[in-house]
Amino acid sequence: MNLLILENHELKNDVYVIKGRKYEHITKVLKSKVNDKLQAGVLNIALGEFLIQKIDHDLKVIEGIFFQRQNELTSKFHRLNFYFAFQRPQTTKKILHLASLIGVGSINFFRAEKSEKSYEDSNLWKNDSYIEEMILGLEQGKRVNLPKVEKLKSIYNINFEKEFIVLEPNSKILFNEKKSLLEEMNPVMIFLGPESGFVEKEIEYLEKKGGICIKVSNSILRTEQAFAFSLSQIEFLL
């Protein structure tokens, strides 16, 4: 935990009440005590410090107040909008974690022709449980703003209003001769299909919308690896 993320439901009469996983980490890993200050951020609001005012080891509760220091600096990735075919839950968790850590603009999941139906109905999407994985990413990346997350029914009802689209089948290396376009950094849509790949109809549809077929490695990658490779190469160019 590089940053303590404070959430609205933890605020009671201007005092944040910390329990569960966060309490365990603060007391057992950080070994913090009363009057210690921790780097903290209020979810989707600001960065600052958390002053520990009380620790109740019997109830396993920490109480304290937040002092705002600054707003989060805009991530260089905030104009990137990723579109994933629904993935298995463990893969989705890794994607959401990294997206929050790095600060992308949005993460969208859609039903592809080869998508596994059970992935769309996973418990991960029930009761907003996926948000906890994103908070872990924010804690690691020292960010407070959650990327926008949406579930879409189909690739065919996506609103294509960004500057250009990138796909991830096998064609040419990512962003060759596109540095100037990236430097301007207009909103970008990047599509990654299911691990079994897009069907030809989907590729043709996206190409008609302006898509550019690329690959991020000569190796065969898992989806979360292709996501990480893409971010790494974009950061290098930026």
C-alpha atoms as a PDB file:
ATOM      1  CA  MET A   1       0.000   0.000   0.000  1.00  0.00           C
ATOM      2  CA  ASN A   2       1.795   3.105  -1.258  1.00  0.00           C
ATOM      3  CA  LEU A   3      -1.271   5.289  -0.716  1.00  0.00           C
ATOM      4  CA  LEU A   4      -4.204   4.874   1.665  1.00  0.00           C
ATOM      5  CA  ILE A   5      -7.421   5.288  -0.321  1.00  0.00           C
ATOM      6  CA  LEU A   6     -10.253   6.762   1.750  1.00  0.00           C
ATOM      7  CA  GLU A   7     -13.813   6.102   0.602  1.00  0.00           C
ATOM      8  CA  ASN A   8     -17.095   7.933   1.231  1.00  0.00           C
ATOM      9  CA  HIS A   9     -18.632   5.063   3.194  1.00  0.00           C
ATOM     10  CA  GLU A  10     -15.725   5.289   5.684  1.00  0.00           C
ATOM     11  CA  LEU A  11     -16.475   8.929   6.580  1.00  0.00           C
ATOM     12  CA  LYS A  12     -18.412   9.379   9.845  1.00  0.00           C
ATOM     13  CA  ASN A  13     -18.875  12.940  11.145  1.00  0.00           C
ATOM     14  CA  ASP A  14     -15.706  14.249   9.466  1.00  0.00           C
ATOM     15  CA  VAL A  15     -13.671  11.291  10.774  1.00  0.00           C
ATOM     16  CA  TYR A  16     -12.618   8.361   8.597  1.00  0.00           C
ATOM     17  CA  VAL A  17     -13.161   4.949  10.199  1.00  0.00           C
ATOM     18  CA  ILE A  18     -10.810   2.330   8.737  1.00  0.00           C
ATOM     19  CA  LYS A  19     -11.487  -1.400   9.102  1.00  0.00           C
ATOM     20  CA  GLY A  20     -10.720  -4.761   7.520  1.00  0.00           C
ATOM     21  CA  ARG A  21      -7.842  -5.133   5.058  1.00  0.00           C
ATOM     22  CA  LYS A  22      -6.711  -1.517   5.478  1.00  0.00           C
ATOM     23  CA  TYR A  23      -6.626  -1.805   9.270  1.00  0.00           C
ATOM     24  CA  GLU A  24      -4.570  -5.001   9.032  1.00  0.00           C
ATOM     25  CA  HIS A  25      -2.071  -3.424   6.635  1.00  0.00           C
ATOM     26  CA  ILE A  26      -1.648  -0.209   8.612  1.00  0.00           C
ATOM     27  CA  THR A  27      -1.175  -1.925  11.963  1.00  0.00           C
ATOM     28  CA  LYS A  28       0.727  -5.080  10.960  1.00  0.00           C
ATOM     29  CA  VAL A  29       2.702  -4.097   7.852  1.00  0.00           C
ATOM     30  CA  LEU A  30       3.218  -0.361   8.274  1.00  0.00           C
ATOM     31  CA  LYS A  31       3.126  -0.715  12.092  1.00  0.00           C
ATOM     32  CA  SER A  32       1.681   2.796  12.346  1.00  0.00           C
ATOM     33  CA  LYS A  33       0.714   4.370  15.671  1.00  0.00           C
ATOM     34  CA  VAL A  34      -1.506   7.164  16.935  1.00  0.00           C
ATOM     35  CA  ASN A  35      -0.385  10.600  15.628  1.00  0.00           C
ATOM     36  CA  ASP A  36       1.399   9.037  12.657  1.00  0.00           C
ATOM     37  CA  LYS A  37       0.636  10.519   9.249  1.00  0.00           C
ATOM     38  CA  LEU A  38       0.140   8.398   6.160  1.00  0.00           C
ATOM     39  CA  GLN A  39       0.105   9.425   2.521  1.00  0.00           C
ATOM     40  CA  ALA A  40      -3.554   9.220   1.571  1.00  0.00           C
ATOM     41  CA  GLY A  41      -6.141  10.194  -0.985  1.00  0.00           C
ATOM     42  CA  VAL A  42      -9.914  10.528  -1.009  1.00  0.00           C
ATOM     43  CA  LEU A  43     -11.354   8.441  -3.825  1.00  0.00           C
ATOM     44  CA  ASN A  44     -11.948  10.559  -6.945  1.00  0.00           C
ATOM     45  CA  ILE A  45     -11.233  13.795  -5.045  1.00  0.00           C
ATOM     46  CA  ALA A  46      -7.709  14.673  -3.891  1.00  0.00           C
ATOM     47  CA  LEU A  47      -4.345  13.638  -2.431  1.00  0.00           C
ATOM     48  CA  GLY A  48      -3.104  14.491   1.038  1.00  0.00           C
ATOM     49  CA  GLU A  49      -2.318  13.004   4.446  1.00  0.00           C
ATOM     50  CA  PHE A  50      -4.235  10.883   6.927  1.00  0.00           C
ATOM     51  CA  LEU A  51      -3.605  11.638  10.610  1.00  0.00           C
ATOM     52  CA  ILE A  52      -4.242   8.639  12.870  1.00  0.00           C
ATOM     53  CA  GLN A  53      -6.151   9.815  15.937  1.00  0.00           C
ATOM     54  CA  LYS A  54      -7.229   6.509  17.465  1.00  0.00           C
ATOM     55  CA  ILE A  55      -6.477   2.794  17.097  1.00  0.00           C
ATOM     56  CA  ASP A  56      -8.815   0.287  18.750  1.00  0.00           C
ATOM     57  CA  HIS A  57      -7.141  -3.119  18.577  1.00  0.00           C
ATOM     58  CA  ASP A  58     -10.115  -4.851  20.189  1.00  0.00           C
ATOM     59  CA  LEU A  59     -12.598  -3.623  17.573  1.00  0.00           C
ATOM     60  CA  LYS A  60      -9.874  -3.551  14.896  1.00  0.00           C
ATOM     61  CA  VAL A  61     -10.687   0.018  13.902  1.00  0.00           C
ATOM     62  CA  ILE A  62      -8.575   3.061  13.060  1.00  0.00           C
ATOM     63  CA  GLU A  63      -9.979   6.592  13.213  1.00  0.00           C
ATOM     64  CA  GLY A  64      -8.415   9.691  11.747  1.00  0.00           C
ATOM     65  CA  ILE A  65      -8.806  12.846   9.681  1.00  0.00           C
ATOM     66  CA  PHE A  66      -7.714  13.739   6.164  1.00  0.00           C
ATOM     67  CA  PHE A  67      -5.751  16.855   5.187  1.00  0.00           C
ATOM     68  CA  GLN A  68      -5.928  17.740   1.494  1.00  0.00           C
ATOM     69  CA  ARG A  69      -2.623  18.730  -0.114  1.00  0.00           C
ATOM     70  CA  GLN A  70      -3.214  18.651  -3.876  1.00  0.00           C
ATOM     71  CA  ASN A  71      -5.331  17.340  -6.697  1.00  0.00           C
ATOM     72  CA  GLU A  72      -3.990  14.366  -8.596  1.00  0.00           C
ATOM     73  CA  LEU A  73      -1.802  15.245 -11.558  1.00  0.00           C
ATOM     74  CA  THR A  74      -3.378  14.161 -14.843  1.00  0.00           C
ATOM     75  CA  SER A  75      -1.995  10.842 -16.036  1.00  0.00           C
ATOM     76  CA  LYS A  76      -0.309  10.815 -19.452  1.00  0.00           C
ATOM     77  CA  PHE A  77      -2.597   7.844 -20.196  1.00  0.00           C
ATOM     78  CA  HIS A  78      -5.883   9.594 -19.435  1.00  0.00           C
ATOM     79  CA  ARG A  79      -6.858   9.865 -23.122  1.00  0.00           C
ATOM     80  CA  LEU A  80      -6.484   6.117 -23.677  1.00  0.00           C
ATOM     81  CA  ASN A  81      -9.765   4.206 -23.816  1.00  0.00           C
ATOM     82  CA  PHE A  82      -9.362   0.425 -23.809  1.00  0.00           C
ATOM     83  CA  TYR A  83     -12.010  -1.988 -25.085  1.00  0.00           C
ATOM     84  CA  PHE A  84     -11.704  -5.643 -24.049  1.00  0.00           C
ATOM     85  CA  ALA A  85     -13.773  -8.641 -24.977  1.00  0.00           C
ATOM     86  CA  PHE A  86     -15.072 -10.122 -21.719  1.00  0.00           C
ATOM     87  CA  GLN A  87     -12.236 -12.045 -20.064  1.00  0.00           C
ATOM     88  CA  ARG A  88     -12.048 -14.695 -17.364  1.00  0.00           C
ATOM     89  CA  PRO A  89     -12.451 -13.114 -13.879  1.00  0.00           C
ATOM     90  CA  GLN A  90      -8.791 -13.445 -12.830  1.00  0.00           C
ATOM     91  CA  THR A  91      -7.649 -11.820 -16.067  1.00  0.00           C
ATOM     92  CA  THR A  92     -10.216  -9.039 -15.641  1.00  0.00           C
ATOM     93  CA  LYS A  93      -8.919  -8.329 -12.137  1.00  0.00           C
ATOM     94  CA  LYS A  94      -5.390  -7.895 -13.496  1.00  0.00           C
ATOM     95  CA  ILE A  95      -6.652  -5.569 -16.218  1.00  0.00           C
ATOM     96  CA  LEU A  96      -8.626  -3.417 -13.770  1.00  0.00           C
ATOM     97  CA  HIS A  97      -5.695  -3.298 -11.351  1.00  0.00           C
ATOM     98  CA  LEU A  98      -3.234  -2.117 -14.000  1.00  0.00           C
ATOM     99  CA  ALA A  99      -5.698   0.339 -15.545  1.00  0.00           C
ATOM    100  CA  SER A 100      -6.164   2.043 -12.166  1.00  0.00           C
ATOM    101  CA  LEU A 101      -2.458   1.954 -11.339  1.00  0.00           C
ATOM    102  CA  ILE A 102      -1.476   3.640 -14.613  1.00  0.00           C
ATOM    103  CA  GLY A 103      -4.429   6.036 -14.893  1.00  0.00           C
ATOM    104  CA  VAL A 104      -6.104   5.241 -18.216  1.00  0.00           C
ATOM    105  CA  GLY A 105      -9.272   7.090 -19.158  1.00  0.00           C
ATOM    106  CA  SER A 106     -11.678   4.185 -19.410  1.00  0.00           C
ATOM    107  CA  ILE A 107     -11.912   0.407 -19.480  1.00  0.00           C
ATOM    108  CA  ASN A 108     -14.805  -1.055 -21.436  1.00  0.00           C
ATOM    109  CA  PHE A 109     -15.807  -4.706 -21.790  1.00  0.00           C
ATOM    110  CA  PHE A 110     -17.891  -5.962 -24.705  1.00  0.00           C
ATOM    111  CA  ARG A 111     -19.327  -9.236 -25.953  1.00  0.00           C
ATOM    112  CA  ALA A 112     -17.260 -10.558 -28.868  1.00  0.00           C
ATOM    113  CA  GLU A 113     -18.248 -13.417 -31.158  1.00  0.00           C
ATOM    114  CA  LYS A 114     -15.884 -15.777 -29.313  1.00  0.00           C
ATOM    115  CA  SER A 115     -16.538 -14.417 -25.809  1.00  0.00           C
ATOM    116  CA  GLU A 116     -17.328 -16.949 -23.107  1.00  0.00           C
ATOM    117  CA  LYS A 117     -20.835 -16.090 -21.807  1.00  0.00           C
ATOM    118  CA  SER A 118     -19.996 -17.062 -18.223  1.00  0.00           C
ATOM    119  CA  TYR A 119     -17.319 -14.341 -18.037  1.00  0.00           C
ATOM    120  CA  GLU A 120     -19.955 -11.658 -18.578  1.00  0.00           C
ATOM    121  CA  ASP A 121     -22.067 -13.083 -15.735  1.00  0.00           C
ATOM    122  CA  SER A 122     -19.156 -13.493 -13.305  1.00  0.00           C
ATOM    123  CA  ASN A 123     -19.614 -12.613  -9.627  1.00  0.00           C
ATOM    124  CA  LEU A 124     -16.908 -10.017 -10.180  1.00  0.00           C
ATOM    125  CA  TRP A 125     -19.555  -7.769 -11.752  1.00  0.00           C
ATOM    126  CA  LYS A 126     -22.087  -8.205  -8.951  1.00  0.00           C
ATOM    127  CA  ASN A 127     -22.391  -5.661  -6.134  1.00  0.00           C
ATOM    128  CA  ASP A 128     -19.585  -3.608  -7.721  1.00  0.00           C
ATOM    129  CA  SER A 129     -17.024  -6.050  -6.283  1.00  0.00           C
ATOM    130  CA  TYR A 130     -14.665  -5.230  -9.175  1.00  0.00           C
ATOM    131  CA  ILE A 131     -14.086  -1.782  -7.641  1.00  0.00           C
ATOM    132  CA  GLU A 132     -12.058  -3.305  -4.794  1.00  0.00           C
ATOM    133  CA  GLU A 133      -9.520  -4.592  -7.317  1.00  0.00           C
ATOM    134  CA  MET A 134      -9.294  -1.104  -8.820  1.00  0.00           C
ATOM    135  CA  ILE A 135      -8.695   0.435  -5.402  1.00  0.00           C
ATOM    136  CA  LEU A 136      -5.740  -1.928  -4.945  1.00  0.00           C
ATOM    137  CA  GLY A 137      -4.362  -0.526  -8.208  1.00  0.00           C
ATOM    138  CA  LEU A 138      -4.835   3.047  -7.005  1.00  0.00           C
ATOM    139  CA  GLU A 139      -3.029   2.204  -3.763  1.00  0.00           C
ATOM    140  CA  GLN A 140      -0.057   0.850  -5.660  1.00  0.00           C
ATOM    141  CA  GLY A 141       0.082   3.614  -8.275  1.00  0.00           C
ATOM    142  CA  LYS A 142      -0.585   6.430  -5.760  1.00  0.00           C
ATOM    143  CA  ARG A 143      -3.636   7.646  -7.645  1.00  0.00           C
ATOM    144  CA  VAL A 144      -7.144   8.571  -6.520  1.00  0.00           C
ATOM    145  CA  ASN A 145      -9.176   8.802  -9.743  1.00  0.00           C
ATOM    146  CA  LEU A 146     -10.831   5.595 -10.902  1.00  0.00           C
ATOM    147  CA  PRO A 147     -10.967   4.948 -14.637  1.00  0.00           C
ATOM    148  CA  LYS A 148     -14.486   4.836 -16.037  1.00  0.00           C
ATOM    149  CA  VAL A 149     -15.711   1.238 -16.406  1.00  0.00           C
ATOM    150  CA  GLU A 150     -18.542   0.126 -18.672  1.00  0.00           C
ATOM    151  CA  LYS A 151     -20.032  -3.187 -19.769  1.00  0.00           C
ATOM    152  CA  LEU A 152     -21.226  -3.127 -23.391  1.00  0.00           C
ATOM    153  CA  LYS A 153     -23.531  -5.600 -25.094  1.00  0.00           C
ATOM    154  CA  SER A 154     -21.730  -5.779 -28.410  1.00  0.00           C
ATOM    155  CA  ILE A 155     -18.847  -4.402 -30.404  1.00  0.00           C
ATOM    156  CA  TYR A 156     -21.423  -3.239 -32.958  1.00  0.00           C
ATOM    157  CA  ASN A 157     -23.159  -0.699 -30.708  1.00  0.00           C
ATOM    158  CA  ILE A 158     -20.030   1.138 -29.539  1.00  0.00           C
ATOM    159  CA  ASN A 159     -19.973   4.859 -30.239  1.00  0.00           C
ATOM    160  CA  PHE A 160     -16.877   5.405 -32.398  1.00  0.00           C
ATOM    161  CA  GLU A 161     -16.148   9.052 -31.698  1.00  0.00           C
ATOM    162  CA  LYS A 162     -12.446   8.978 -30.813  1.00  0.00           C
ATOM    163  CA  GLU A 163      -9.630   9.951 -33.183  1.00  0.00           C
ATOM    164  CA  PHE A 164      -8.459   6.485 -34.185  1.00  0.00           C
ATOM    165  CA  ILE A 165      -8.735   2.853 -33.204  1.00  0.00           C
ATOM    166  CA  VAL A 166      -6.079   0.230 -32.606  1.00  0.00           C
ATOM    167  CA  LEU A 167      -6.661  -3.527 -32.678  1.00  0.00           C
ATOM    168  CA  GLU A 168      -4.521  -6.388 -31.435  1.00  0.00           C
ATOM    169  CA  PRO A 169      -4.493  -9.192 -34.007  1.00  0.00           C
ATOM    170  CA  ASN A 170      -1.231  -9.876 -35.899  1.00  0.00           C
ATOM    171  CA  SER A 171      -0.003  -7.265 -38.323  1.00  0.00           C
ATOM    172  CA  LYS A 172       2.651  -4.587 -37.881  1.00  0.00           C
ATOM    173  CA  ILE A 173       4.517  -3.465 -34.768  1.00  0.00           C
ATOM    174  CA  LEU A 174       2.696  -1.075 -32.438  1.00  0.00           C
ATOM    175  CA  PHE A 175       2.810   2.609 -33.331  1.00  0.00           C
ATOM    176  CA  ASN A 176       5.592   2.519 -35.936  1.00  0.00           C
ATOM    177  CA  GLU A 177       5.905   6.056 -37.326  1.00  0.00           C
ATOM    178  CA  LYS A 178       3.063   7.334 -35.143  1.00  0.00           C
ATOM    179  CA  LYS A 179       4.970   9.311 -32.552  1.00  0.00           C
ATOM    180  CA  SER A 180       3.642  12.685 -33.710  1.00  0.00           C
ATOM    181  CA  LEU A 181       0.077  11.423 -33.440  1.00  0.00           C
ATOM    182  CA  LEU A 182       0.713  10.183 -29.913  1.00  0.00           C
ATOM    183  CA  GLU A 183       2.347  13.438 -28.889  1.00  0.00           C
ATOM    184  CA  GLU A 184      -0.866  15.278 -29.743  1.00  0.00           C
ATOM    185  CA  MET A 185      -2.618  12.572 -27.735  1.00  0.00           C
ATOM    186  CA  ASN A 186      -6.146  12.914 -28.975  1.00  0.00           C
ATOM    187  CA  PRO A 187      -8.508  10.372 -27.411  1.00  0.00           C
ATOM    188  CA  VAL A 188      -7.565   6.875 -28.561  1.00  0.00           C
ATOM    189  CA  MET A 189      -9.624   3.687 -28.655  1.00  0.00           C
ATOM    190  CA  ILE A 190      -7.628   0.447 -28.312  1.00  0.00           C
ATOM    191  CA  PHE A 191      -9.374  -2.902 -28.822  1.00  0.00           C
ATOM    192  CA  LEU A 192      -8.169  -6.255 -27.509  1.00  0.00           C
ATOM    193  CA  GLY A 193     -10.238  -9.294 -28.403  1.00  0.00           C
ATOM    194  CA  PRO A 194     -10.750 -12.604 -26.606  1.00  0.00           C
ATOM    195  CA  GLU A 195      -7.654 -14.781 -26.292  1.00  0.00           C
ATOM    196  CA  SER A 196      -9.011 -16.935 -29.115  1.00  0.00           C
ATOM    197  CA  GLY A 197      -9.045 -13.813 -31.294  1.00  0.00           C
ATOM    198  CA  PHE A 198     -11.503 -11.659 -33.214  1.00  0.00           C
ATOM    199  CA  VAL A 199     -13.479 -13.284 -35.997  1.00  0.00           C
ATOM    200  CA  GLU A 200     -12.974 -11.915 -39.508  1.00  0.00           C
ATOM    201  CA  LYS A 201     -16.317 -10.093 -39.446  1.00  0.00           C
ATOM    202  CA  GLU A 202     -15.313  -8.140 -36.334  1.00  0.00           C
ATOM    203  CA  ILE A 203     -11.936  -7.184 -37.793  1.00  0.00           C
ATOM    204  CA  GLU A 204     -13.540  -5.988 -41.014  1.00  0.00           C
ATOM    205  CA  TYR A 205     -16.096  -3.964 -39.058  1.00  0.00           C
ATOM    206  CA  LEU A 206     -13.450  -2.227 -36.945  1.00  0.00           C
ATOM    207  CA  GLU A 207     -11.249  -1.546 -39.961  1.00  0.00           C
ATOM    208  CA  LYS A 208     -14.201   0.142 -41.675  1.00  0.00           C
ATOM    209  CA  LYS A 209     -14.479   2.372 -38.614  1.00  0.00           C
ATOM    210  CA  GLY A 210     -10.845   3.415 -39.024  1.00  0.00           C
ATOM    211  CA  GLY A 211      -9.087   0.664 -37.143  1.00  0.00           C
ATOM    212  CA  ILE A 212      -5.391  -0.066 -37.581  1.00  0.00           C
ATOM    213  CA  CYS A 213      -4.270  -3.679 -37.075  1.00  0.00           C
ATOM    214  CA  ILE A 214      -1.154  -3.940 -34.910  1.00  0.00           C
ATOM    215  CA  LYS A 215       0.669  -6.352 -32.647  1.00  0.00           C
ATOM    216  CA  VAL A 216       2.665  -5.558 -29.551  1.00  0.00           C
ATOM    217  CA  SER A 217       5.045  -8.508 -29.550  1.00  0.00           C
ATOM    218  CA  ASN A 218       6.312 -11.355 -31.718  1.00  0.00           C
ATOM    219  CA  SER A 219       5.476 -13.668 -28.803  1.00  0.00           C
ATOM    220  CA  ILE A 220       2.037 -15.107 -28.053  1.00  0.00           C
ATOM    221  CA  LEU A 221       0.646 -13.075 -25.154  1.00  0.00           C
ATOM    222  CA  ARG A 222      -2.201 -13.381 -22.708  1.00  0.00           C
ATOM    223  CA  THR A 223      -4.653 -10.479 -22.778  1.00  0.00           C
ATOM    224  CA  GLU A 224      -3.348  -8.836 -19.620  1.00  0.00           C
ATOM    225  CA  GLN A 225       0.195  -9.142 -20.991  1.00  0.00           C
ATOM    226  CA  ALA A 226      -0.800  -7.512 -24.285  1.00  0.00           C
ATOM    227  CA  PHE A 227      -2.385  -4.716 -22.238  1.00  0.00           C
ATOM    228  CA  ALA A 228       0.821  -4.201 -20.254  1.00  0.00           C
ATOM    229  CA  PHE A 229       2.990  -4.356 -23.405  1.00  0.00           C
ATOM    230  CA  SER A 230       0.782  -1.723 -25.059  1.00  0.00           C
ATOM    231  CA  LEU A 231       1.057   0.652 -22.113  1.00  0.00           C
ATOM    232  CA  SER A 232       4.802   0.131 -21.895  1.00  0.00           C
ATOM    233  CA  GLN A 233       5.371   0.972 -25.558  1.00  0.00           C
ATOM    234  CA  ILE A 234       3.090   4.006 -25.396  1.00  0.00           C
ATOM    235  CA  GLU A 235       4.912   5.299 -22.309  1.00  0.00           C
ATOM    236  CA  PHE A 236       8.241   4.832 -24.073  1.00  0.00           C
ATOM    237  CA  LEU A 237       7.070   6.934 -27.018  1.00  0.00           C
ATOM    238  CA  LEU A 238       5.613   9.602 -24.750  1.00  0.00           C
END
